[in-house]
Amino acid sequence: MSSDSDGKEPGEHARDAAFGSVGYLLFDSLVHHLIEKGILTKNDALSVVQTAAAVVRSRMNGGETPPLQTDAALTILERTYSSFEALQVRPETVRRDGDNVRSLRPSLHGDRPRFSTDD
């Protein structure tokens, strides 16, 4: 059976892609659920994505991560940010389940982060 230049068999690439896809779906679904239950604020979820985007950009600027991988990572983060940004929080749910959650605070990292499509 032939393998790619990275030494992986074609089936391993498909499995890795499936793991990544399912992992993203689970993360996104969990965060949406936590926001809807009032356990996590929408602003906090957005701030997490902003932090991740800043780390990815700094790794690229520091030469740790190739630009192609950085662009792919920023595309995923942009999709995640947009997903959380579009989420409509139901006030009645937040009041019922989120009594211990503080009201939205200003973003820790400023406005919307820069993604690969912004360049």
C-alpha atoms as a PDB file:
ATOM      1  CA  MET A   1       0.000   0.000   0.000  1.00  0.00           C
ATOM      2  CA  SER A   2       1.381   3.435  -0.868  1.00  0.00           C
ATOM      3  CA  SER A   3       1.936   6.149   1.702  1.00  0.00           C
ATOM      4  CA  ASP A   4       2.298   9.902   1.481  1.00  0.00           C
ATOM      5  CA  SER A   5       5.507  11.805   2.077  1.00  0.00           C
ATOM      6  CA  ASP A   6       4.657  12.154   5.783  1.00  0.00           C
ATOM      7  CA  GLY A   7       4.709   8.381   6.206  1.00  0.00           C
ATOM      8  CA  LYS A   8       0.991   8.009   6.847  1.00  0.00           C
ATOM      9  CA  GLU A   9      -1.225   5.619   4.970  1.00  0.00           C
ATOM     10  CA  PRO A  10      -4.256   7.120   3.167  1.00  0.00           C
ATOM     11  CA  GLY A  11      -6.601   5.613   5.755  1.00  0.00           C
ATOM     12  CA  GLU A  12      -4.693   7.357   8.540  1.00  0.00           C
ATOM     13  CA  HIS A  13      -5.233  10.743   6.856  1.00  0.00           C
ATOM     14  CA  ALA A  14      -8.974  10.063   6.619  1.00  0.00           C
ATOM     15  CA  ARG A  15      -9.094   9.019  10.283  1.00  0.00           C
ATOM     16  CA  ASP A  16      -7.142  12.113  11.371  1.00  0.00           C
ATOM     17  CA  ALA A  17      -9.495  14.356   9.376  1.00  0.00           C
ATOM     18  CA  ALA A  18     -12.530  12.652  10.928  1.00  0.00           C
ATOM     19  CA  PHE A  19     -11.096  13.080  14.445  1.00  0.00           C
ATOM     20  CA  GLY A  20     -10.458  16.758  13.780  1.00  0.00           C
ATOM     21  CA  SER A  21     -13.922  17.293  12.349  1.00  0.00           C
ATOM     22  CA  VAL A  22     -15.671  15.501  15.195  1.00  0.00           C
ATOM     23  CA  GLY A  23     -13.486  17.261  17.758  1.00  0.00           C
ATOM     24  CA  TYR A  24     -14.437  20.650  16.337  1.00  0.00           C
ATOM     25  CA  LEU A  25     -18.128  19.700  16.242  1.00  0.00           C
ATOM     26  CA  LEU A  26     -18.054  18.538  19.876  1.00  0.00           C
ATOM     27  CA  PHE A  27     -16.271  21.710  21.028  1.00  0.00           C
ATOM     28  CA  ASP A  28     -18.632  24.004  19.130  1.00  0.00           C
ATOM     29  CA  SER A  29     -21.718  22.144  20.364  1.00  0.00           C
ATOM     30  CA  LEU A  30     -20.515  22.129  23.967  1.00  0.00           C
ATOM     31  CA  VAL A  31     -19.819  25.858  23.990  1.00  0.00           C
ATOM     32  CA  HIS A  32     -23.214  26.605  22.410  1.00  0.00           C
ATOM     33  CA  HIS A  33     -24.879  24.457  25.064  1.00  0.00           C
ATOM     34  CA  LEU A  34     -22.978  26.146  27.903  1.00  0.00           C
ATOM     35  CA  ILE A  35     -23.946  29.588  26.601  1.00  0.00           C
ATOM     36  CA  GLU A  36     -27.593  28.587  26.190  1.00  0.00           C
ATOM     37  CA  LYS A  37     -27.660  27.203  29.753  1.00  0.00           C
ATOM     38  CA  GLY A  38     -26.137  30.413  31.090  1.00  0.00           C
ATOM     39  CA  ILE A  39     -23.016  28.682  32.392  1.00  0.00           C
ATOM     40  CA  LEU A  40     -20.682  30.501  29.988  1.00  0.00           C
ATOM     41  CA  THR A  41     -21.206  33.979  28.630  1.00  0.00           C
ATOM     42  CA  LYS A  42     -21.180  34.591  24.915  1.00  0.00           C
ATOM     43  CA  ASN A  43     -18.505  37.228  25.445  1.00  0.00           C
ATOM     44  CA  ASP A  44     -16.266  34.744  27.244  1.00  0.00           C
ATOM     45  CA  ALA A  45     -16.617  32.254  24.385  1.00  0.00           C
ATOM     46  CA  LEU A  46     -15.704  34.971  21.894  1.00  0.00           C
ATOM     47  CA  SER A  47     -12.739  35.966  24.044  1.00  0.00           C
ATOM     48  CA  VAL A  48     -11.436  32.376  24.010  1.00  0.00           C
ATOM     49  CA  VAL A  49     -11.495  32.360  20.207  1.00  0.00           C
ATOM     50  CA  GLN A  50      -9.793  35.772  20.133  1.00  0.00           C
ATOM     51  CA  THR A  51      -7.029  34.436  22.364  1.00  0.00           C
ATOM     52  CA  ALA A  52      -6.556  31.372  20.168  1.00  0.00           C
ATOM     53  CA  ALA A  53      -6.368  33.556  17.037  1.00  0.00           C
ATOM     54  CA  ALA A  54      -3.728  35.745  18.698  1.00  0.00           C
ATOM     55  CA  VAL A  55      -1.663  32.678  19.630  1.00  0.00           C
ATOM     56  CA  VAL A  56      -1.890  31.258  16.089  1.00  0.00           C
ATOM     57  CA  ARG A  57      -0.808  34.592  14.596  1.00  0.00           C
ATOM     58  CA  SER A  58       2.106  34.933  17.013  1.00  0.00           C
ATOM     59  CA  ARG A  59       3.293  31.419  16.182  1.00  0.00           C
ATOM     60  CA  MET A  60       3.222  32.282  12.500  1.00  0.00           C
ATOM     61  CA  ASN A  61       5.037  35.568  13.083  1.00  0.00           C
ATOM     62  CA  GLY A  62       7.585  33.754  15.241  1.00  0.00           C
ATOM     63  CA  GLY A  63       8.227  31.212  12.497  1.00  0.00           C
ATOM     64  CA  GLU A  64       6.902  28.273  14.543  1.00  0.00           C
ATOM     65  CA  THR A  65       3.962  27.488  12.250  1.00  0.00           C
ATOM     66  CA  PRO A  66       3.998  27.510   8.435  1.00  0.00           C
ATOM     67  CA  PRO A  67       1.643  30.050   6.815  1.00  0.00           C
ATOM     68  CA  LEU A  68      -0.464  27.306   5.162  1.00  0.00           C
ATOM     69  CA  GLN A  69      -1.241  25.717   8.541  1.00  0.00           C
ATOM     70  CA  THR A  70      -1.844  29.147  10.042  1.00  0.00           C
ATOM     71  CA  ASP A  71      -4.359  30.040   7.326  1.00  0.00           C
ATOM     72  CA  ALA A  72      -6.213  26.751   7.903  1.00  0.00           C
ATOM     73  CA  ALA A  73      -6.262  27.311  11.674  1.00  0.00           C
ATOM     74  CA  LEU A  74      -7.472  30.904  11.306  1.00  0.00           C
ATOM     75  CA  THR A  75     -10.228  29.770   8.934  1.00  0.00           C
ATOM     76  CA  ILE A  76     -11.498  27.331  11.569  1.00  0.00           C
ATOM     77  CA  LEU A  77     -11.264  29.986  14.272  1.00  0.00           C
ATOM     78  CA  GLU A  78     -13.132  32.474  12.104  1.00  0.00           C
ATOM     79  CA  ARG A  79     -15.919  29.939  11.562  1.00  0.00           C
ATOM     80  CA  THR A  80     -16.033  29.296  15.306  1.00  0.00           C
ATOM     81  CA  TYR A  81     -16.090  33.006  16.155  1.00  0.00           C
ATOM     82  CA  SER A  82     -18.898  33.648  13.680  1.00  0.00           C
ATOM     83  CA  SER A  83     -20.846  30.715  15.093  1.00  0.00           C
ATOM     84  CA  PHE A  84     -20.623  32.073  18.643  1.00  0.00           C
ATOM     85  CA  GLU A  85     -21.193  35.649  17.493  1.00  0.00           C
ATOM     86  CA  ALA A  86     -24.457  34.684  15.766  1.00  0.00           C
ATOM     87  CA  LEU A  87     -25.797  32.844  18.808  1.00  0.00           C
ATOM     88  CA  GLN A  88     -28.875  34.504  20.228  1.00  0.00           C
ATOM     89  CA  VAL A  89     -28.864  34.153  23.990  1.00  0.00           C
ATOM     90  CA  ARG A  90     -32.319  33.598  25.435  1.00  0.00           C
ATOM     91  CA  PRO A  91     -32.605  35.885  28.489  1.00  0.00           C
ATOM     92  CA  GLU A  92     -35.074  33.611  30.267  1.00  0.00           C
ATOM     93  CA  THR A  93     -32.613  30.709  30.120  1.00  0.00           C
ATOM     94  CA  VAL A  94     -29.762  32.799  31.446  1.00  0.00           C
ATOM     95  CA  ARG A  95     -31.895  33.958  34.366  1.00  0.00           C
ATOM     96  CA  ARG A  96     -32.980  30.421  35.192  1.00  0.00           C
ATOM     97  CA  ASP A  97     -29.658  28.556  34.828  1.00  0.00           C
ATOM     98  CA  GLY A  98     -27.057  31.275  35.063  1.00  0.00           C
ATOM     99  CA  ASP A  99     -27.638  33.088  38.321  1.00  0.00           C
ATOM    100  CA  ASN A 100     -23.962  32.679  39.129  1.00  0.00           C
ATOM    101  CA  VAL A 101     -22.749  34.062  35.768  1.00  0.00           C
ATOM    102  CA  ARG A 102     -21.728  37.697  35.663  1.00  0.00           C
ATOM    103  CA  SER A 103     -23.200  39.943  33.029  1.00  0.00           C
ATOM    104  CA  LEU A 104     -21.239  40.413  29.817  1.00  0.00           C
ATOM    105  CA  ARG A 105     -18.006  42.286  30.264  1.00  0.00           C
ATOM    106  CA  PRO A 106     -16.007  44.149  27.640  1.00  0.00           C
ATOM    107  CA  SER A 107     -13.885  41.898  25.480  1.00  0.00           C
ATOM    108  CA  LEU A 108     -10.454  41.154  26.879  1.00  0.00           C
ATOM    109  CA  HIS A 109      -8.793  41.477  23.491  1.00  0.00           C
ATOM    110  CA  GLY A 110     -10.566  44.349  21.808  1.00  0.00           C
ATOM    111  CA  ASP A 111     -12.705  43.995  18.737  1.00  0.00           C
ATOM    112  CA  ARG A 112     -13.162  41.072  16.380  1.00  0.00           C
ATOM    113  CA  PRO A 113      -9.814  39.310  15.819  1.00  0.00           C
ATOM    114  CA  ARG A 114      -8.030  39.316  12.469  1.00  0.00           C
ATOM    115  CA  PHE A 115      -8.520  36.122  10.507  1.00  0.00           C
ATOM    116  CA  SER A 116      -6.881  34.916   7.290  1.00  0.00           C
ATOM    117  CA  THR A 117      -9.722  36.367   5.201  1.00  0.00           C
ATOM    118  CA  ASP A 118      -8.976  39.798   6.641  1.00  0.00           C
ATOM    119  CA  ASP A 119      -5.455  39.948   5.192  1.00  0.00           C
END
